[in-house]
Amino acid sequence: MENLDGETEKVEYLSLFNEAGADMQVEVKLKGFDGNVDSSQMNAEAITRLIDPKTGHFLCQMRFDDWPFDIVSYHINPKAKKLTITAKPLQA
């Protein structure tokens, strides 16, 4: 997703998930950052929100409370019904 300057716009995590009554937990682990992100919930089909519709690739960057981060990994545990997103601060 691009902004008006043609730069890639980072999706805000809080806008992706938080579905009441959903059965999967979403957890965020931040590396090298002194902060945390509240867990949220999603339905399994919401995993497609992690894919950039323009490129068809998984999001590699995301904002957490407007702080820009690189995504290190996504881990899906279907038995535990949990998605874990690991991210580190974006290097300028």
PDB file of N, CA and C in Angstrom:
ATOM      1  N   MET A   1       0.837  -1.170   0.000  1.00  0.00           N
ATOM      2  CA  MET A   1       0.000   0.000   0.000  1.00  0.00           C
ATOM      3  C   MET A   1       0.885   1.238   0.000  1.00  0.00           C
ATOM      4  N   GLU A   2       0.598   2.177  -0.885  1.00  0.00           N
ATOM      5  CA  GLU A   2       1.430   3.364  -1.013  1.00  0.00           C
ATOM      6  C   GLU A   2       0.672   4.600  -0.558  1.00  0.00           C
ATOM      7  N   ASN A   3       1.422   5.569  -0.001  1.00  0.00           N
ATOM      8  CA  ASN A   3       0.814   6.837   0.360  1.00  0.00           C
ATOM      9  C   ASN A   3       0.959   7.806  -0.815  1.00  0.00           C
ATOM     10  N   LEU A   4       0.604   9.061  -0.630  1.00  0.00           N
ATOM     11  CA  LEU A   4       0.640  10.030  -1.729  1.00  0.00           C
ATOM     12  C   LEU A   4       2.046  10.304  -2.240  1.00  0.00           C
ATOM     13  N   ASP A   5       3.064  10.059  -1.430  1.00  0.00           N
ATOM     14  CA  ASP A   5       4.445  10.285  -1.850  1.00  0.00           C
ATOM     15  C   ASP A   5       5.024   9.085  -2.586  1.00  0.00           C
ATOM     16  N   GLY A   6       4.236   8.040  -2.786  1.00  0.00           N
ATOM     17  CA  GLY A   6       4.708   6.846  -3.454  1.00  0.00           C
ATOM     18  C   GLY A   6       5.465   5.893  -2.550  1.00  0.00           C
ATOM     19  N   GLU A   7       5.538   6.213  -1.258  1.00  0.00           N
ATOM     20  CA  GLU A   7       6.212   5.336  -0.303  1.00  0.00           C
ATOM     21  C   GLU A   7       5.237   4.284   0.191  1.00  0.00           C
ATOM     22  N   THR A   8       5.770   3.157   0.593  1.00  0.00           N
ATOM     23  CA  THR A   8       4.933   2.100   1.134  1.00  0.00           C
ATOM     24  C   THR A   8       4.391   2.531   2.487  1.00  0.00           C
ATOM     25  N   GLU A   9       3.080   2.465   2.616  1.00  0.00           N
ATOM     26  CA  GLU A   9       2.431   2.827   3.871  1.00  0.00           C
ATOM     27  C   GLU A   9       2.338   1.591   4.754  1.00  0.00           C
ATOM     28  N   LYS A  10       2.743   1.727   5.999  1.00  0.00           N
ATOM     29  CA  LYS A  10       2.725   0.607   6.924  1.00  0.00           C
ATOM     30  C   LYS A  10       1.342   0.472   7.560  1.00  0.00           C
ATOM     31  N   VAL A  11       0.828  -0.727   7.557  1.00  0.00           N
ATOM     32  CA  VAL A  11      -0.481  -1.012   8.136  1.00  0.00           C
ATOM     33  C   VAL A  11      -0.375  -0.943   9.653  1.00  0.00           C
ATOM     34  N   GLU A  12      -1.388  -0.384  10.288  1.00  0.00           N
ATOM     35  CA  GLU A  12      -1.451  -0.320  11.755  1.00  0.00           C
ATOM     36  C   GLU A  12      -2.034  -1.637  12.278  1.00  0.00           C
ATOM     37  N   TYR A  13      -1.287  -2.295  13.137  1.00  0.00           N
ATOM     38  CA  TYR A  13      -1.696  -3.573  13.726  1.00  0.00           C
ATOM     39  C   TYR A  13      -3.101  -3.500  14.321  1.00  0.00           C
ATOM     40  N   LEU A  14      -3.387  -2.444  15.056  1.00  0.00           N
ATOM     41  CA  LEU A  14      -4.686  -2.335  15.735  1.00  0.00           C
ATOM     42  C   LEU A  14      -5.859  -2.316  14.763  1.00  0.00           C
ATOM     43  N   SER A  15      -5.595  -1.965  13.504  1.00  0.00           N
ATOM     44  CA  SER A  15      -6.680  -1.934  12.520  1.00  0.00           C
ATOM     45  C   SER A  15      -6.923  -3.310  11.888  1.00  0.00           C
ATOM     46  N   LEU A  16      -6.036  -4.268  12.129  1.00  0.00           N
ATOM     47  CA  LEU A  16      -6.158  -5.578  11.493  1.00  0.00           C
ATOM     48  C   LEU A  16      -7.052  -6.551  12.244  1.00  0.00           C
ATOM     49  N   PHE A  17      -6.871  -6.634  13.535  1.00  0.00           N
ATOM     50  CA  PHE A  17      -7.557  -7.659  14.314  1.00  0.00           C
ATOM     51  C   PHE A  17      -8.164  -7.061  15.577  1.00  0.00           C
ATOM     52  N   ASN A  18      -9.204  -7.618  16.033  1.00  0.00           N
ATOM     53  CA  ASN A  18      -9.852  -7.369  17.309  1.00  0.00           C
ATOM     54  C   ASN A  18     -11.318  -7.696  17.137  1.00  0.00           C
ATOM     55  N   GLU A  19     -11.549  -8.938  16.831  1.00  0.00           N
ATOM     56  CA  GLU A  19     -12.887  -9.409  16.528  1.00  0.00           C
ATOM     57  C   GLU A  19     -13.493 -10.087  17.756  1.00  0.00           C
ATOM     58  N   ALA A  20     -14.500  -9.469  18.305  1.00  0.00           N
ATOM     59  CA  ALA A  20     -15.163 -10.042  19.480  1.00  0.00           C
ATOM     60  C   ALA A  20     -15.719 -11.418  19.133  1.00  0.00           C
ATOM     61  N   GLY A  21     -15.502 -12.369  20.003  1.00  0.00           N
ATOM     62  CA  GLY A  21     -16.015 -13.716  19.787  1.00  0.00           C
ATOM     63  C   GLY A  21     -15.174 -14.566  18.852  1.00  0.00           C
ATOM     64  N   ALA A  22     -14.074 -14.028  18.341  1.00  0.00           N
ATOM     65  CA  ALA A  22     -13.201 -14.801  17.462  1.00  0.00           C
ATOM     66  C   ALA A  22     -12.493 -15.881  18.271  1.00  0.00           C
ATOM     67  N   ASP A  23     -12.086 -16.952  17.585  1.00  0.00           N
ATOM     68  CA  ASP A  23     -11.529 -18.082  18.324  1.00  0.00           C
ATOM     69  C   ASP A  23     -10.010 -18.200  18.269  1.00  0.00           C
ATOM     70  N   MET A  24      -9.317 -17.296  17.575  1.00  0.00           N
ATOM     71  CA  MET A  24      -7.854 -17.346  17.540  1.00  0.00           C
ATOM     72  C   MET A  24      -7.268 -16.144  18.264  1.00  0.00           C
ATOM     73  N   GLN A  25      -6.214 -16.401  19.032  1.00  0.00           N
ATOM     74  CA  GLN A  25      -5.521 -15.330  19.743  1.00  0.00           C
ATOM     75  C   GLN A  25      -4.377 -14.824  18.875  1.00  0.00           C
ATOM     76  N   VAL A  26      -4.161 -13.507  18.885  1.00  0.00           N
ATOM     77  CA  VAL A  26      -3.036 -12.894  18.183  1.00  0.00           C
ATOM     78  C   VAL A  26      -2.133 -12.268  19.237  1.00  0.00           C
ATOM     79  N   GLU A  27      -0.876 -12.687  19.226  1.00  0.00           N
ATOM     80  CA  GLU A  27       0.111 -12.185  20.181  1.00  0.00           C
ATOM     81  C   GLU A  27       1.244 -11.517  19.401  1.00  0.00           C
ATOM     82  N   VAL A  28       1.777 -10.439  19.949  1.00  0.00           N
ATOM     83  CA  VAL A  28       2.894  -9.741  19.315  1.00  0.00           C
ATOM     84  C   VAL A  28       4.093  -9.778  20.252  1.00  0.00           C
ATOM     85  N   LYS A  29       5.243 -10.166  19.692  1.00  0.00           N
ATOM     86  CA  LYS A  29       6.506 -10.135  20.426  1.00  0.00           C
ATOM     87  C   LYS A  29       7.389  -9.090  19.762  1.00  0.00           C
ATOM     88  N   LEU A  30       7.840  -8.111  20.551  1.00  0.00           N
ATOM     89  CA  LEU A  30       8.692  -7.046  20.032  1.00  0.00           C
ATOM     90  C   LEU A  30      10.128  -7.290  20.481  1.00  0.00           C
ATOM     91  N   LYS A  31      11.038  -7.354  19.517  1.00  0.00           N
ATOM     92  CA  LYS A  31      12.464  -7.546  19.815  1.00  0.00           C
ATOM     93  C   LYS A  31      13.151  -6.190  19.856  1.00  0.00           C
ATOM     94  N   GLY A  32      13.994  -5.977  20.849  1.00  0.00           N
ATOM     95  CA  GLY A  32      14.778  -4.756  20.911  1.00  0.00           C
ATOM     96  C   GLY A  32      13.956  -3.490  21.100  1.00  0.00           C
ATOM     97  N   PHE A  33      12.826  -3.609  21.776  1.00  0.00           N
ATOM     98  CA  PHE A  33      11.952  -2.457  21.995  1.00  0.00           C
ATOM     99  C   PHE A  33      11.355  -2.592  23.382  1.00  0.00           C
ATOM    100  N   ASP A  34      11.414  -1.542  24.144  1.00  0.00           N
ATOM    101  CA  ASP A  34      10.937  -1.563  25.523  1.00  0.00           C
ATOM    102  C   ASP A  34       9.459  -1.201  25.574  1.00  0.00           C
ATOM    103  N   GLY A  35       8.645  -2.101  25.123  1.00  0.00           N
ATOM    104  CA  GLY A  35       7.207  -1.869  25.126  1.00  0.00           C
ATOM    105  C   GLY A  35       6.501  -3.171  24.821  1.00  0.00           C
ATOM    106  N   ASN A  36       5.182  -3.150  24.880  1.00  0.00           N
ATOM    107  CA  ASN A  36       4.425  -4.342  24.547  1.00  0.00           C
ATOM    108  C   ASN A  36       3.146  -3.959  23.826  1.00  0.00           C
ATOM    109  N   VAL A  37       2.516  -4.959  23.256  1.00  0.00           N
ATOM    110  CA  VAL A  37       1.283  -4.762  22.499  1.00  0.00           C
ATOM    111  C   VAL A  37       0.253  -5.726  23.073  1.00  0.00           C
ATOM    112  N   ASP A  38      -0.933  -5.219  23.313  1.00  0.00           N
ATOM    113  CA  ASP A  38      -1.996  -6.076  23.835  1.00  0.00           C
ATOM    114  C   ASP A  38      -2.356  -7.165  22.826  1.00  0.00           C
ATOM    115  N   SER A  39      -2.678  -8.339  23.338  1.00  0.00           N
ATOM    116  CA  SER A  39      -3.150  -9.423  22.484  1.00  0.00           C
ATOM    117  C   SER A  39      -4.515  -9.041  21.919  1.00  0.00           C
ATOM    118  N   SER A  40      -4.844  -9.631  20.789  1.00  0.00           N
ATOM    119  CA  SER A  40      -6.165  -9.418  20.207  1.00  0.00           C
ATOM    120  C   SER A  40      -6.682 -10.750  19.698  1.00  0.00           C
ATOM    121  N   GLN A  41      -7.821 -10.727  19.043  1.00  0.00           N
ATOM    122  CA  GLN A  41      -8.443 -11.948  18.548  1.00  0.00           C
ATOM    123  C   GLN A  41      -8.764 -11.815  17.075  1.00  0.00           C
ATOM    124  N   MET A  42      -8.819 -12.963  16.403  1.00  0.00           N
ATOM    125  CA  MET A  42      -9.165 -12.977  14.984  1.00  0.00           C
ATOM    126  C   MET A  42      -9.828 -14.300  14.645  1.00  0.00           C
ATOM    127  N   ASN A  43     -10.523 -14.318  13.529  1.00  0.00           N
ATOM    128  CA  ASN A  43     -11.008 -15.554  12.949  1.00  0.00           C
ATOM    129  C   ASN A  43      -9.965 -16.033  11.952  1.00  0.00           C
ATOM    130  N   ALA A  44      -9.894 -17.314  11.718  1.00  0.00           N
ATOM    131  CA  ALA A  44      -8.848 -17.889  10.867  1.00  0.00           C
ATOM    132  C   ALA A  44      -8.795 -17.241   9.480  1.00  0.00           C
ATOM    133  N   GLU A  45      -9.929 -16.940   8.882  1.00  0.00           N
ATOM    134  CA  GLU A  45      -9.918 -16.362   7.531  1.00  0.00           C
ATOM    135  C   GLU A  45      -9.330 -14.950   7.497  1.00  0.00           C
ATOM    136  N   ALA A  46      -9.185 -14.317   8.658  1.00  0.00           N
ATOM    137  CA  ALA A  46      -8.600 -12.969   8.727  1.00  0.00           C
ATOM    138  C   ALA A  46      -7.104 -12.971   8.454  1.00  0.00           C
ATOM    139  N   ILE A  47      -6.493 -14.151   8.339  1.00  0.00           N
ATOM    140  CA  ILE A  47      -5.066 -14.240   8.049  1.00  0.00           C
ATOM    141  C   ILE A  47      -4.731 -13.523   6.738  1.00  0.00           C
ATOM    142  N   THR A  48      -5.701 -13.428   5.844  1.00  0.00           N
ATOM    143  CA  THR A  48      -5.463 -12.756   4.556  1.00  0.00           C
ATOM    144  C   THR A  48      -5.198 -11.259   4.731  1.00  0.00           C
ATOM    145  N   ARG A  49      -5.527 -10.700   5.880  1.00  0.00           N
ATOM    146  CA  ARG A  49      -5.244  -9.285   6.131  1.00  0.00           C
ATOM    147  C   ARG A  49      -3.749  -9.023   6.250  1.00  0.00           C
ATOM    148  N   LEU A  50      -2.974 -10.088   6.427  1.00  0.00           N
ATOM    149  CA  LEU A  50      -1.518  -9.951   6.509  1.00  0.00           C
ATOM    150  C   LEU A  50      -0.865  -9.972   5.129  1.00  0.00           C
ATOM    151  N   ILE A  51      -1.689 -10.040   4.081  1.00  0.00           N
ATOM    152  CA  ILE A  51      -1.183 -10.059   2.712  1.00  0.00           C
ATOM    153  C   ILE A  51      -1.501  -8.731   2.044  1.00  0.00           C
ATOM    154  N   ASP A  52      -0.472  -8.111   1.467  1.00  0.00           N
ATOM    155  CA  ASP A  52      -0.641  -6.851   0.739  1.00  0.00           C
ATOM    156  C   ASP A  52      -1.407  -7.139  -0.548  1.00  0.00           C
ATOM    157  N   PRO A  53      -2.595  -6.535  -0.731  1.00  0.00           N
ATOM    158  CA  PRO A  53      -3.393  -6.837  -1.926  1.00  0.00           C
ATOM    159  C   PRO A  53      -2.713  -6.415  -3.237  1.00  0.00           C
ATOM    160  N   LYS A  54      -1.800  -5.457  -3.171  1.00  0.00           N
ATOM    161  CA  LYS A  54      -1.120  -5.007  -4.397  1.00  0.00           C
ATOM    162  C   LYS A  54      -0.016  -5.960  -4.834  1.00  0.00           C
ATOM    163  N   THR A  55       0.673  -6.578  -3.869  1.00  0.00           N
ATOM    164  CA  THR A  55       1.812  -7.430  -4.213  1.00  0.00           C
ATOM    165  C   THR A  55       1.517  -8.918  -4.063  1.00  0.00           C
ATOM    166  N   GLY A  56       0.541  -9.264  -3.225  1.00  0.00           N
ATOM    167  CA  GLY A  56       0.255 -10.661  -2.959  1.00  0.00           C
ATOM    168  C   GLY A  56       1.232 -11.294  -1.976  1.00  0.00           C
ATOM    169  N   HIS A  57       2.118 -10.484  -1.399  1.00  0.00           N
ATOM    170  CA  HIS A  57       3.103 -10.968  -0.429  1.00  0.00           C
ATOM    171  C   HIS A  57       2.675 -10.614   0.992  1.00  0.00           C
ATOM    172  N   PHE A  58       3.204 -11.378   1.947  1.00  0.00           N
ATOM    173  CA  PHE A  58       2.932 -11.049   3.339  1.00  0.00           C
ATOM    174  C   PHE A  58       3.522  -9.685   3.676  1.00  0.00           C
ATOM    175  N   LEU A  59       2.860  -8.951   4.562  1.00  0.00           N
ATOM    176  CA  LEU A  59       3.370  -7.655   5.011  1.00  0.00           C
ATOM    177  C   LEU A  59       4.721  -7.853   5.687  1.00  0.00           C
ATOM    178  N   CYS A  60       5.686  -7.037   5.337  1.00  0.00           N
ATOM    179  CA  CYS A  60       7.027  -7.111   5.918  1.00  0.00           C
ATOM    180  C   CYS A  60       7.270  -5.984   6.903  1.00  0.00           C
ATOM    181  N   GLN A  61       6.365  -5.021   6.931  1.00  0.00           N
ATOM    182  CA  GLN A  61       6.450  -3.912   7.880  1.00  0.00           C
ATOM    183  C   GLN A  61       5.050  -3.627   8.400  1.00  0.00           C
ATOM    184  N   MET A  62       5.011  -3.100   9.619  1.00  0.00           N
ATOM    185  CA  MET A  62       3.736  -2.800  10.251  1.00  0.00           C
ATOM    186  C   MET A  62       3.975  -1.724  11.309  1.00  0.00           C
ATOM    187  N   ARG A  63       2.928  -0.988  11.652  1.00  0.00           N
ATOM    188  CA  ARG A  63       3.010  -0.014  12.736  1.00  0.00           C
ATOM    189  C   ARG A  63       2.306  -0.594  13.958  1.00  0.00           C
ATOM    190  N   PHE A  64       2.897  -0.342  15.112  1.00  0.00           N
ATOM    191  CA  PHE A  64       2.303  -0.716  16.387  1.00  0.00           C
ATOM    192  C   PHE A  64       2.198   0.568  17.193  1.00  0.00           C
ATOM    193  N   ASP A  65       0.970   1.063  17.392  1.00  0.00           N
ATOM    194  CA  ASP A  65       0.739   2.361  18.040  1.00  0.00           C
ATOM    195  C   ASP A  65       1.556   3.450  17.346  1.00  0.00           C
ATOM    196  N   ASP A  66       1.565   3.418  16.037  1.00  0.00           N
ATOM    197  CA  ASP A  66       2.253   4.390  15.166  1.00  0.00           C
ATOM    198  C   ASP A  66       3.778   4.277  15.187  1.00  0.00           C
ATOM    199  N   TRP A  67       4.335   3.271  15.845  1.00  0.00           N
ATOM    200  CA  TRP A  67       5.782   3.014  15.786  1.00  0.00           C
ATOM    201  C   TRP A  67       6.035   2.050  14.635  1.00  0.00           C
ATOM    202  N   PRO A  68       6.944   2.379  13.702  1.00  0.00           N
ATOM    203  CA  PRO A  68       7.206   1.492  12.563  1.00  0.00           C
ATOM    204  C   PRO A  68       8.115   0.317  12.938  1.00  0.00           C
ATOM    205  N   PHE A  69       7.741  -0.878  12.481  1.00  0.00           N
ATOM    206  CA  PHE A  69       8.488  -2.103  12.768  1.00  0.00           C
ATOM    207  C   PHE A  69       8.649  -2.947  11.512  1.00  0.00           C
ATOM    208  N   ASP A  70       9.767  -3.681  11.449  1.00  0.00           N
ATOM    209  CA  ASP A  70       9.957  -4.741  10.462  1.00  0.00           C
ATOM    210  C   ASP A  70       9.369  -6.011  11.054  1.00  0.00           C
ATOM    211  N   ILE A  71       8.688  -6.782  10.241  1.00  0.00           N
ATOM    212  CA  ILE A  71       8.171  -8.069  10.696  1.00  0.00           C
ATOM    213  C   ILE A  71       9.287  -9.092  10.544  1.00  0.00           C
ATOM    214  N   VAL A  72       9.600  -9.765  11.636  1.00  0.00           N
ATOM    215  CA  VAL A  72      10.631 -10.809  11.632  1.00  0.00           C
ATOM    216  C   VAL A  72      10.005 -12.134  11.218  1.00  0.00           C
ATOM    217  N   SER A  73       8.836 -12.441  11.802  1.00  0.00           N
ATOM    218  CA  SER A  73       8.190 -13.712  11.473  1.00  0.00           C
ATOM    219  C   SER A  73       6.721 -13.710  11.864  1.00  0.00           C
ATOM    220  N   TYR A  74       6.000 -14.620  11.228  1.00  0.00           N
ATOM    221  CA  TYR A  74       4.637 -14.960  11.601  1.00  0.00           C
ATOM    222  C   TYR A  74       4.668 -16.437  11.980  1.00  0.00           C
ATOM    223  N   HIS A  75       4.088 -16.775  13.102  1.00  0.00           N
ATOM    224  CA  HIS A  75       4.028 -18.174  13.520  1.00  0.00           C
ATOM    225  C   HIS A  75       2.568 -18.517  13.773  1.00  0.00           C
ATOM    226  N   ILE A  76       2.088 -19.529  13.066  1.00  0.00           N
ATOM    227  CA  ILE A  76       0.698 -19.971  13.223  1.00  0.00           C
ATOM    228  C   ILE A  76       0.703 -21.326  13.918  1.00  0.00           C
ATOM    229  N   ASN A  77      -0.008 -21.402  15.037  1.00  0.00           N
ATOM    230  CA  ASN A  77      -0.152 -22.655  15.762  1.00  0.00           C
ATOM    231  C   ASN A  77      -1.635 -23.035  15.703  1.00  0.00           C
ATOM    232  N   PRO A  78      -2.010 -23.883  14.732  1.00  0.00           N
ATOM    233  CA  PRO A  78      -3.426 -24.197  14.563  1.00  0.00           C
ATOM    234  C   PRO A  78      -4.038 -24.952  15.737  1.00  0.00           C
ATOM    235  N   LYS A  79      -3.272 -25.804  16.397  1.00  0.00           N
ATOM    236  CA  LYS A  79      -3.830 -26.561  17.528  1.00  0.00           C
ATOM    237  C   LYS A  79      -4.138 -25.643  18.709  1.00  0.00           C
ATOM    238  N   ALA A  80      -3.251 -24.690  18.951  1.00  0.00           N
ATOM    239  CA  ALA A  80      -3.472 -23.744  20.051  1.00  0.00           C
ATOM    240  C   ALA A  80      -4.339 -22.564  19.613  1.00  0.00           C
ATOM    241  N   LYS A  81      -4.658 -22.502  18.322  1.00  0.00           N
ATOM    242  CA  LYS A  81      -5.443 -21.400  17.747  1.00  0.00           C
ATOM    243  C   LYS A  81      -4.790 -20.058  18.090  1.00  0.00           C
ATOM    244  N   LYS A  82      -3.532 -19.931  17.635  1.00  0.00           N
ATOM    245  CA  LYS A  82      -2.756 -18.743  17.982  1.00  0.00           C
ATOM    246  C   LYS A  82      -1.863 -18.309  16.820  1.00  0.00           C
ATOM    247  N   LEU A  83      -1.834 -17.008  16.584  1.00  0.00           N
ATOM    248  CA  LEU A  83      -0.917 -16.386  15.633  1.00  0.00           C
ATOM    249  C   LEU A  83       0.035 -15.522  16.445  1.00  0.00           C
ATOM    250  N   THR A  84       1.340 -15.716  16.243  1.00  0.00           N
ATOM    251  CA  THR A  84       2.334 -14.889  16.915  1.00  0.00           C
ATOM    252  C   THR A  84       3.084 -14.090  15.853  1.00  0.00           C
ATOM    253  N   ILE A  85       3.092 -12.777  16.021  1.00  0.00           N
ATOM    254  CA  ILE A  85       3.835 -11.877  15.134  1.00  0.00           C
ATOM    255  C   ILE A  85       5.049 -11.400  15.894  1.00  0.00           C
ATOM    256  N   THR A  86       6.236 -11.619  15.328  1.00  0.00           N
ATOM    257  CA  THR A  86       7.471 -11.139  15.932  1.00  0.00           C
ATOM    258  C   THR A  86       7.976  -9.976  15.078  1.00  0.00           C
ATOM    259  N   ALA A  87       8.301  -8.865  15.735  1.00  0.00           N
ATOM    260  CA  ALA A  87       8.716  -7.662  15.012  1.00  0.00           C
ATOM    261  C   ALA A  87       9.866  -6.978  15.732  1.00  0.00           C
ATOM    262  N   LYS A  88      10.633  -6.178  14.974  1.00  0.00           N
ATOM    263  CA  LYS A  88      11.717  -5.391  15.559  1.00  0.00           C
ATOM    264  C   LYS A  88      11.604  -3.970  15.014  1.00  0.00           C
ATOM    265  N   PRO A  89      12.103  -2.981  15.763  1.00  0.00           N
ATOM    266  CA  PRO A  89      11.992  -1.589  15.325  1.00  0.00           C
ATOM    267  C   PRO A  89      12.607  -1.396  13.934  1.00  0.00           C
ATOM    268  N   LEU A  90      11.944  -0.605  13.133  1.00  0.00           N
ATOM    269  CA  LEU A  90      12.418  -0.283  11.790  1.00  0.00           C
ATOM    270  C   LEU A  90      13.654   0.566  11.872  1.00  0.00           C
ATOM    271  N   GLN A  91      14.699   0.171  11.175  1.00  0.00           N
ATOM    272  CA  GLN A  91      15.942   0.932  11.141  1.00  0.00           C
ATOM    273  C   GLN A  91      15.830   2.023  10.089  1.00  0.00           C
ATOM    274  N   ALA A  92      16.141   3.257  10.477  1.00  0.00           N
ATOM    275  CA  ALA A  92      16.009   4.393   9.557  1.00  0.00           C
ATOM    276  C   ALA A  92      17.110   4.388   8.510  1.00  0.00           C
TER     277      ALA A  92
END
